[in-house]
C-alpha atoms as a PDB file:
ATOM      1  CA  MET A   1     116.743  92.755 120.685  1.00  0.00           C
ATOM      2  CA  PRO A   2     115.304  90.684 117.805  1.00  0.00           C
ATOM      3  CA  GLN A   3     116.576  91.569 114.338  1.00  0.00           C
ATOM      4  CA  HIS A   4     114.822  90.785 111.060  1.00  0.00           C
ATOM      5  CA  SER A   5     116.329  90.244 107.608  1.00  0.00           C
ATOM      6  CA  THR A   6     115.090  92.170 104.566  1.00  0.00           C
ATOM      7  CA  ASP A   7     113.386  89.007 103.263  1.00  0.00           C
ATOM      8  CA  THR A   8     111.566  88.546 106.586  1.00  0.00           C
ATOM      9  CA  VAL A   9     110.372  92.161 106.684  1.00  0.00           C
ATOM     10  CA  CYS A  10     109.224  91.973 103.049  1.00  0.00           C
ATOM     11  CA  ALA A  11     107.300  88.764 103.761  1.00  0.00           C
ATOM     12  CA  LEU A  12     105.606  90.191 106.867  1.00  0.00           C
ATOM     13  CA  VAL A  13     104.781  93.537 105.268  1.00  0.00           C
ATOM     14  CA  GLY A  14     103.817  92.058 101.878  1.00  0.00           C
ATOM     15  CA  VAL A  15     106.132  94.055  99.626  1.00  0.00           C
ATOM     16  CA  LEU A  16     109.098  93.395  97.365  1.00  0.00           C
ATOM     17  CA  PRO A  17     112.637  94.460  98.369  1.00  0.00           C
ATOM     18  CA  GLU A  18     112.456  97.198  95.711  1.00  0.00           C
ATOM     19  CA  THR A  19     109.456  98.734  97.481  1.00  0.00           C
ATOM     20  CA  LEU A  20     111.198  98.599 100.861  1.00  0.00           C
ATOM     21  CA  ARG A  21     114.197 100.407  99.339  1.00  0.00           C
ATOM     22  CA  ARG A  22     111.860 102.978  97.796  1.00  0.00           C
ATOM     23  CA  TRP A  23     110.315 103.633 101.226  1.00  0.00           C
ATOM     24  CA  ARG A  24     113.789 104.094 102.708  1.00  0.00           C
ATOM     25  CA  ARG A  25     114.776 106.592  99.990  1.00  0.00           C
ATOM     26  CA  ALA A  26     111.525 108.486 100.632  1.00  0.00           C
ATOM     27  CA  GLY A  27     112.425 108.765 104.327  1.00  0.00           C
ATOM     28  CA  LEU A  28     109.485 106.652 105.503  1.00  0.00           C
ATOM     29  CA  ILE A  29     111.629 104.028 107.237  1.00  0.00           C
ATOM     30  CA  THR A  30     115.242 104.073 108.403  1.00  0.00           C
ATOM     31  CA  PRO A  31     117.921 101.770 106.968  1.00  0.00           C
ATOM     32  CA  PRO A  32     118.533  98.473 108.766  1.00  0.00           C
ATOM     33  CA  GLY A  33     121.456  98.021 111.107  1.00  0.00           C
ATOM     34  CA  PRO A  34     124.293  95.533 110.530  1.00  0.00           C
ATOM     35  CA  ALA A  35     122.159  92.731 111.985  1.00  0.00           C
ATOM     36  CA  GLY A  36     118.952  93.684 110.174  1.00  0.00           C
ATOM     37  CA  TYR A  37     115.719  95.517 110.979  1.00  0.00           C
ATOM     38  CA  SER A  38     114.590  95.994 114.584  1.00  0.00           C
ATOM     39  CA  ASP A  39     111.074  95.347 115.870  1.00  0.00           C
ATOM     40  CA  GLN A  40     110.499  99.111 115.887  1.00  0.00           C
ATOM     41  CA  GLN A  41     111.515  99.388 112.232  1.00  0.00           C
ATOM     42  CA  LEU A  42     109.257  96.461 111.352  1.00  0.00           C
ATOM     43  CA  THR A  43     106.345  98.185 113.119  1.00  0.00           C
ATOM     44  CA  ARG A  44     107.076 101.365 111.155  1.00  0.00           C
ATOM     45  CA  ALA A  45     107.146  99.425 107.868  1.00  0.00           C
ATOM     46  CA  LEU A  46     103.772  97.881 108.722  1.00  0.00           C
ATOM     47  CA  CYS A  47     102.419 101.368 109.454  1.00  0.00           C
ATOM     48  CA  VAL A  48     103.668 102.631 106.079  1.00  0.00           C
ATOM     49  CA  ARG A  49     102.121  99.604 104.394  1.00  0.00           C
ATOM     50  CA  GLU A  50      98.766 100.468 105.963  1.00  0.00           C
ATOM     51  CA  MET A  51      99.047 104.109 104.872  1.00  0.00           C
ATOM     52  CA  THR A  52      99.996 103.242 101.302  1.00  0.00           C
ATOM     53  CA  SER A  53      96.939 100.983 101.072  1.00  0.00           C
ATOM     54  CA  GLY A  54      94.879 104.173 100.766  1.00  0.00           C
ATOM     55  CA  GLY A  55      96.685 105.189  97.589  1.00  0.00           C
ATOM     56  CA  HIS A  56      98.373 108.236  99.100  1.00  0.00           C
ATOM     57  CA  THR A  57     101.668 109.410  97.633  1.00  0.00           C
ATOM     58  CA  LEU A  58     104.897 108.707  99.499  1.00  0.00           C
ATOM     59  CA  PHE A  59     105.429 112.462  99.793  1.00  0.00           C
ATOM     60  CA  ASP A  60     102.061 112.905 101.546  1.00  0.00           C
ATOM     61  CA  ILE A  61     102.720 109.904 103.802  1.00  0.00           C
ATOM     62  CA  HIS A  62     106.097 111.361 104.787  1.00  0.00           C
ATOM     63  CA  ALA A  63     104.383 114.606 105.744  1.00  0.00           C
ATOM     64  CA  ALA A  64     101.692 112.806 107.739  1.00  0.00           C
ATOM     65  CA  LEU A  65     104.276 110.756 109.651  1.00  0.00           C
ATOM     66  CA  ASN A  66     106.137 113.914 110.652  1.00  0.00           C
ATOM     67  CA  TRP A  67     103.091 116.118 111.246  1.00  0.00           C
ATOM     68  CA  PRO A  68     100.284 113.865 112.563  1.00  0.00           C
ATOM     69  CA  ASN A  69      97.654 116.630 112.376  1.00  0.00           C
ATOM     70  CA  ILE A  70      97.905 116.718 108.581  1.00  0.00           C
ATOM     71  CA  THR A  71      94.984 115.146 106.736  1.00  0.00           C
ATOM     72  CA  LEU A  72      96.088 112.901 103.894  1.00  0.00           C
ATOM     73  CA  PRO A  73      94.681 114.176 100.579  1.00  0.00           C
ATOM     74  CA  GLY A  74      93.795 112.261  97.445  1.00  0.00           C
ATOM     75  CA  GLY A  75      94.032 108.509  97.423  1.00  0.00           C
ATOM     76  CA  TRP A  76      93.417 105.947  94.684  1.00  0.00           C
ATOM     77  CA  ALA A  77      90.854 108.148  92.951  1.00  0.00           C
ATOM     78  CA  CYS A  78      93.536 110.803  92.392  1.00  0.00           C
ATOM     79  CA  ARG A  79      96.051 108.221  91.197  1.00  0.00           C
ATOM     80  CA  GLU A  80      93.487 106.891  88.709  1.00  0.00           C
ATOM     81  CA  GLU A  81      92.671 110.384  87.473  1.00  0.00           C
ATOM     82  CA  ASP A  82      96.384 111.035  86.930  1.00  0.00           C
ATOM     83  CA  MET A  83      96.660 107.928  84.773  1.00  0.00           C
ATOM     84  CA  LEU A  84      93.538 108.772  82.774  1.00  0.00           C
ATOM     85  CA  GLN A  85      95.045 112.176  81.990  1.00  0.00           C
ATOM     86  CA  LEU A  86      98.277 110.514  80.850  1.00  0.00           C
ATOM     87  CA  LEU A  87      96.350 108.098  78.631  1.00  0.00           C
ATOM     88  CA  ALA A  88      94.504 110.982  77.006  1.00  0.00           C
ATOM     89  CA  ASN A  89      97.353 113.442  76.558  1.00  0.00           C
ATOM     90  CA  ASN A  90     100.835 112.012  77.088  1.00  0.00           C
ATOM     91  CA  PRO A  91     103.244 109.786  75.158  1.00  0.00           C
ATOM     92  CA  ASP A  92     103.561 106.063  75.913  1.00  0.00           C
ATOM     93  CA  ALA A  93     106.845 106.566  77.776  1.00  0.00           C
ATOM     94  CA  ASP A  94     105.082 108.726  80.399  1.00  0.00           C
ATOM     95  CA  ILE A  95     102.387 106.085  80.914  1.00  0.00           C
ATOM     96  CA  GLU A  96     104.945 103.308  81.314  1.00  0.00           C
ATOM     97  CA  ARG A  97     107.002 105.418  83.724  1.00  0.00           C
ATOM     98  CA  GLU A  98     103.936 106.132  85.882  1.00  0.00           C
ATOM     99  CA  LEU A  99     103.000 102.455  86.086  1.00  0.00           C
ATOM    100  CA  GLN A 100     106.552 101.529  86.988  1.00  0.00           C
ATOM    101  CA  MET A 101     106.632 104.119  89.787  1.00  0.00           C
ATOM    102  CA  MET A 102     103.242 102.992  91.129  1.00  0.00           C
ATOM    103  CA  ASN A 103     104.359  99.364  91.140  1.00  0.00           C
ATOM    104  CA  THR A 104     107.442 100.296  93.167  1.00  0.00           C
ATOM    105  CA  ASP A 105     105.674 102.596  95.646  1.00  0.00           C
ATOM    106  CA  TYR A 106     102.876 100.202  96.640  1.00  0.00           C
ATOM    107  CA  CYS A 107     102.502  96.552  97.542  1.00  0.00           C
ATOM    108  CA  GLY A 108     101.565  94.280  94.637  1.00  0.00           C
ATOM    109  CA  ASP A 109      98.060  93.416  95.844  1.00  0.00           C
ATOM    110  CA  ASP A 110      97.095  97.073  96.361  1.00  0.00           C
ATOM    111  CA  TYR A 111      98.687  98.150  93.098  1.00  0.00           C
ATOM    112  CA  VAL A 112      96.701  95.606  91.094  1.00  0.00           C
ATOM    113  CA  ASN A 113      93.449  95.273  93.039  1.00  0.00           C
ATOM    114  CA  ARG A 114      92.978  98.937  94.001  1.00  0.00           C
ATOM    115  CA  TYR A 115      94.586 100.650  91.019  1.00  0.00           C
ATOM    116  CA  LEU A 116      95.061  98.618  87.840  1.00  0.00           C
ATOM    117  CA  ARG A 117      91.813  96.629  87.977  1.00  0.00           C
ATOM    118  CA  PRO A 118      89.542  99.624  88.716  1.00  0.00           C
ATOM    119  CA  LEU A 119      91.275 101.535  85.921  1.00  0.00           C
ATOM    120  CA  ASN A 120      90.816  98.632  83.534  1.00  0.00           C
ATOM    121  CA  LEU A 121      87.120  98.298  84.383  1.00  0.00           C
ATOM    122  CA  TRP A 122      86.569 102.029  83.935  1.00  0.00           C
ATOM    123  CA  LEU A 123      88.341 102.059  80.570  1.00  0.00           C
ATOM    124  CA  ARG A 124      86.325  99.069  79.345  1.00  0.00           C
ATOM    125  CA  SER A 125      83.057 100.737  80.304  1.00  0.00           C
ATOM    126  CA  ASP A 126      83.997 104.102  78.770  1.00  0.00           C
ATOM    127  CA  ARG A 127      82.090 104.954  75.592  1.00  0.00           C
ATOM    128  CA  SER A 128      83.399 108.459  75.022  1.00  0.00           C
ATOM    129  CA  GLU A 129      85.468 109.542  72.031  1.00  0.00           C
ATOM    130  CA  GLY A 130      88.916 107.946  71.937  1.00  0.00           C
ATOM    131  CA  ALA A 131      87.985 105.312  74.557  1.00  0.00           C
ATOM    132  CA  ALA A 132      89.190 102.357  72.469  1.00  0.00           C
ATOM    133  CA  GLU A 133      92.573 103.986  71.918  1.00  0.00           C
ATOM    134  CA  ARG A 134      93.003 104.769  75.628  1.00  0.00           C
ATOM    135  CA  GLN A 135      92.065 101.201  76.551  1.00  0.00           C
ATOM    136  CA  GLN A 136      94.583  99.798  74.074  1.00  0.00           C
ATOM    137  CA  ARG A 137      97.318 102.127  75.328  1.00  0.00           C
ATOM    138  CA  PHE A 138      96.640 100.978  78.887  1.00  0.00           C
ATOM    139  CA  HIS A 139      96.741  97.326  77.823  1.00  0.00           C
ATOM    140  CA  ASN A 140     100.043  97.855  76.013  1.00  0.00           C
ATOM    141  CA  ALA A 141     101.522  99.625  79.042  1.00  0.00           C
ATOM    142  CA  VAL A 142     100.479  96.756  81.325  1.00  0.00           C
ATOM    143  CA  LEU A 143     102.115  94.286  78.945  1.00  0.00           C
ATOM    144  CA  ASP A 144     105.278  96.380  78.799  1.00  0.00           C
ATOM    145  CA  GLN A 145     105.454  96.479  82.570  1.00  0.00           C
ATOM    146  CA  TRP A 146     104.899  92.737  82.812  1.00  0.00           C
ATOM    147  CA  ASP A 147     107.837  92.164  80.449  1.00  0.00           C
ATOM    148  CA  ARG A 148     110.073  94.299  82.686  1.00  0.00           C
ATOM    149  CA  LEU A 149     108.908  92.626  85.903  1.00  0.00           C
ATOM    150  CA  SER A 150     109.274  89.154  84.427  1.00  0.00           C
ATOM    151  CA  LEU A 151     112.904  89.819  83.504  1.00  0.00           C
ATOM    152  CA  ALA A 152     113.633  91.319  86.931  1.00  0.00           C
ATOM    153  CA  ALA A 153     112.067  88.315  88.706  1.00  0.00           C
ATOM    154  CA  GLN A 154     114.501  85.982  86.953  1.00  0.00           C
ATOM    155  CA  ARG A 155     117.374  87.785  88.664  1.00  0.00           C
ATOM    156  CA  ARG A 156     115.880  87.425  92.164  1.00  0.00           C
ATOM    157  CA  SER A 157     115.462  84.452  94.448  1.00  0.00           C
ATOM    158  CA  THR A 158     111.805  83.799  93.646  1.00  0.00           C
ATOM    159  CA  VAL A 159     109.328  80.917  93.784  1.00  0.00           C
ATOM    160  CA  PRO A 160     108.463  79.607  90.278  1.00  0.00           C
ATOM    161  CA  LEU A 161     104.750  79.574  89.465  1.00  0.00           C
ATOM    162  CA  PHE A 162     102.872  78.492  86.346  1.00  0.00           C
ATOM    163  CA  LEU A 163      99.797  80.623  85.536  1.00  0.00           C
ATOM    164  CA  GLU A 164      97.634  78.832  82.977  1.00  0.00           C
ATOM    165  CA  ALA A 165      94.959  80.939  81.282  1.00  0.00           C
ATOM    166  CA  VAL A 166      92.094  78.453  80.952  1.00  0.00           C
ATOM    167  CA  SER A 167      89.527  81.065  79.913  1.00  0.00           C
ATOM    168  CA  VAL A 168      89.884  84.814  79.514  1.00  0.00           C
ATOM    169  CA  THR A 169      87.228  87.404  78.701  1.00  0.00           C
ATOM    170  CA  ASP A 170      89.447  90.434  79.292  1.00  0.00           C
ATOM    171  CA  GLU A 171      92.792  90.506  77.486  1.00  0.00           C
ATOM    172  CA  THR A 172      94.408  92.671  80.173  1.00  0.00           C
ATOM    173  CA  GLU A 173      93.148  90.585  83.084  1.00  0.00           C
ATOM    174  CA  ILE A 174      95.639  87.707  82.974  1.00  0.00           C
ATOM    175  CA  TRP A 175      98.639  90.042  82.798  1.00  0.00           C
ATOM    176  CA  MET A 176      97.417  92.059  85.771  1.00  0.00           C
ATOM    177  CA  GLU A 177      97.154  88.808  87.729  1.00  0.00           C
ATOM    178  CA  ALA A 178     100.696  87.900  86.695  1.00  0.00           C
ATOM    179  CA  ILE A 179     101.894  91.305  87.953  1.00  0.00           C
ATOM    180  CA  ARG A 180     100.059  90.777  91.254  1.00  0.00           C
ATOM    181  CA  LEU A 181     101.667  87.371  91.755  1.00  0.00           C
ATOM    182  CA  ASN A 182     105.060  88.829  90.898  1.00  0.00           C
ATOM    183  CA  GLY A 183     104.508  91.332  93.703  1.00  0.00           C
ATOM    184  CA  GLN A 184     104.030  88.413  96.099  1.00  0.00           C
ATOM    185  CA  GLY A 185     107.498  87.105  95.270  1.00  0.00           C
ATOM    186  CA  PHE A 186     106.714  84.589  92.521  1.00  0.00           C
ATOM    187  CA  ARG A 187     108.481  84.124  89.194  1.00  0.00           C
ATOM    188  CA  VAL A 188     105.503  83.661  86.905  1.00  0.00           C
ATOM    189  CA  GLU A 189     105.263  81.864  83.582  1.00  0.00           C
ATOM    190  CA  VAL A 190     102.050  82.525  81.658  1.00  0.00           C
ATOM    191  CA  ALA A 191     100.603  80.237  79.003  1.00  0.00           C
ATOM    192  CA  ALA A 192      97.126  79.684  77.581  1.00  0.00           C
ATOM    193  CA  THR A 193      94.864  76.686  77.173  1.00  0.00           C
ATOM    194  CA  THR A 194      93.865  76.331  73.524  1.00  0.00           C
ATOM    195  CA  CYS A 195      90.498  74.769  72.666  1.00  0.00           C
ATOM    196  CA  GLY A 196      90.558  72.446  75.649  1.00  0.00           C
ATOM    197  CA  VAL A 197      94.199  71.398  75.267  1.00  0.00           C
ATOM    198  CA  PRO A 198      96.087  72.115  78.510  1.00  0.00           C
ATOM    199  CA  ALA A 199      99.010  74.518  78.265  1.00  0.00           C
ATOM    200  CA  VAL A 200     102.521  73.214  78.873  1.00  0.00           C
ATOM    201  CA  ALA A 201     104.998  75.017  81.100  1.00  0.00           C
ATOM    202  CA  HIS A 202     108.483  75.435  79.674  1.00  0.00           C
ATOM    203  CA  ARG A 203     110.124  75.831  83.080  1.00  0.00           C
ATOM    204  CA  HIS A 204     110.027  74.002  86.377  1.00  0.00           C
ATOM    205  CA  PHE A 205     107.316  75.320  88.708  1.00  0.00           C
ATOM    206  CA  GLU A 206     106.337  74.773  92.325  1.00  0.00           C
ATOM    207  CA  HIS A 207     102.772  76.102  92.036  1.00  0.00           C
ATOM    208  CA  HIS A 208     100.217  75.799  89.230  1.00  0.00           C
ATOM    209  CA  LEU A 209      97.296  78.224  89.064  1.00  0.00           C
ATOM    210  CA  MET A 210      94.563  77.676  86.471  1.00  0.00           C
ATOM    211  CA  TRP A 211      92.966  81.062  85.774  1.00  0.00           C
ATOM    212  CA  CYS A 212      89.284  80.914  84.822  1.00  0.00           C
ATOM    213  CA  GLY A 213      87.843  84.225  83.733  1.00  0.00           C
ATOM    214  CA  ASP A 214      84.866  82.665  81.964  1.00  0.00           C
ATOM    215  CA  GLY A 215      84.408  79.265  83.574  1.00  0.00           C
ATOM    216  CA  ILE A 216      86.130  75.960  82.883  1.00  0.00           C
ATOM    217  CA  SER A 217      85.183  73.181  80.472  1.00  0.00           C
ATOM    218  CA  ALA A 218      84.274  69.718  81.720  1.00  0.00           C
ATOM    219  CA  ALA A 219      87.420  68.290  80.099  1.00  0.00           C
ATOM    220  CA  MET A 220      89.687  70.872  81.726  1.00  0.00           C
ATOM    221  CA  LYS A 221      87.922  70.368  85.075  1.00  0.00           C
ATOM    222  CA  ALA A 222      88.599  66.632  84.783  1.00  0.00           C
ATOM    223  CA  ALA A 223      92.267  67.333  84.000  1.00  0.00           C
ATOM    224  CA  PHE A 224      92.437  69.603  87.047  1.00  0.00           C
ATOM    225  CA  LEU A 225      90.899  66.984  89.343  1.00  0.00           C
ATOM    226  CA  SER A 226      93.217  64.293  87.986  1.00  0.00           C
ATOM    227  CA  SER A 227      96.247  66.499  88.624  1.00  0.00           C
ATOM    228  CA  LEU A 228      94.974  67.334  92.094  1.00  0.00           C
ATOM    229  CA  GLU A 229      94.457  63.658  92.955  1.00  0.00           C
ATOM    230  CA  ALA A 230      97.987  62.939  91.781  1.00  0.00           C
ATOM    231  CA  GLY A 231      99.240  65.301  94.473  1.00  0.00           C
ATOM    232  CA  ASN A 232     100.310  68.116  92.176  1.00  0.00           C
ATOM    233  CA  PRO A 233     100.302  71.708  93.535  1.00  0.00           C
ATOM    234  CA  VAL A 234      97.433  72.935  91.354  1.00  0.00           C
ATOM    235  CA  MET A 235      94.546  75.273  92.153  1.00  0.00           C
ATOM    236  CA  LEU A 236      91.688  76.932  90.298  1.00  0.00           C
ATOM    237  CA  THR A 237      91.528  80.712  90.512  1.00  0.00           C
ATOM    238  CA  GLY A 238      89.917  83.620  88.694  1.00  0.00           C
ATOM    239  CA  THR A 239      86.602  85.429  88.473  1.00  0.00           C
ATOM    240  CA  ASN A 240      84.527  82.405  87.351  1.00  0.00           C
ATOM    241  CA  THR A 241      85.680  78.873  88.198  1.00  0.00           C
ATOM    242  CA  GLY A 242      82.325  77.238  87.433  1.00  0.00           C
ATOM    243  CA  LEU A 243      81.644  74.874  84.532  1.00  0.00           C
ATOM    244  CA  GLN A 244      81.133  76.630  81.219  1.00  0.00           C
ATOM    245  CA  THR A 245      79.083  75.686  78.186  1.00  0.00           C
ATOM    246  CA  PRO A 246      80.944  73.242  75.901  1.00  0.00           C
ATOM    247  CA  VAL A 247      82.665  75.720  73.613  1.00  0.00           C
ATOM    248  CA  CYS A 248      86.309  76.372  72.876  1.00  0.00           C
ATOM    249  CA  ALA A 249      87.747  78.253  75.884  1.00  0.00           C
ATOM    250  CA  MET A 250      89.148  81.645  75.063  1.00  0.00           C
ATOM    251  CA  SER A 251      92.904  81.949  75.239  1.00  0.00           C
ATOM    252  CA  ALA A 252      94.952  84.818  76.619  1.00  0.00           C
ATOM    253  CA  SER A 253      96.456  87.060  74.008  1.00  0.00           C
ATOM    254  CA  ALA A 254      98.682  90.062  74.059  1.00  0.00           C
END
């Protein structure tokens, strides 16, 4: 019978080893045998991955796996409402603890794309009393989590990646992207382009992503194309990779 290592299961399911351990502790999957995970265990992990993509709690998923007739309640909307309540009423430590738990319970792409980014957009569009304070608290919590994840990634066997912030319109955006990439198994270094001057990585990297949140200048586009033609592992990414008007590109800031 084929057996799969933890790294193989994590790669196929799209989660970090910490998330797989969290699922085991929650009783959603059984521990691997001496030779690794079986095909049946891999199938179960893929099933759990699909169920977590809806934003349901691990407790609810455990119940649904054991009693199939149960309808899963809540979802991402409930998780977002929980965080909004914490931002309005609770101390920073509670907010940071909730983000840390969410990051461990769900795969990185779902955590960022279905939870953090919708929350960030909602907070930035909110015009009610105290909105600016809640947005800043969320931003600070995201930064705090990134600091923790960055340190943890240095202790794992991870692929080094350089994330260059070419243009940023949302100060939280680049750090959410760094968290998402961390969840894919990368060790991410973040630096910002300053007024058209390319950022310099301080560590060796195997992949170079140039994040464009508000377009890219002609000079930076030329630098990208030159690097690409030289055979370097570079790629444009972000919400707007088109050419921008010739002004100083915004830099990422904490």
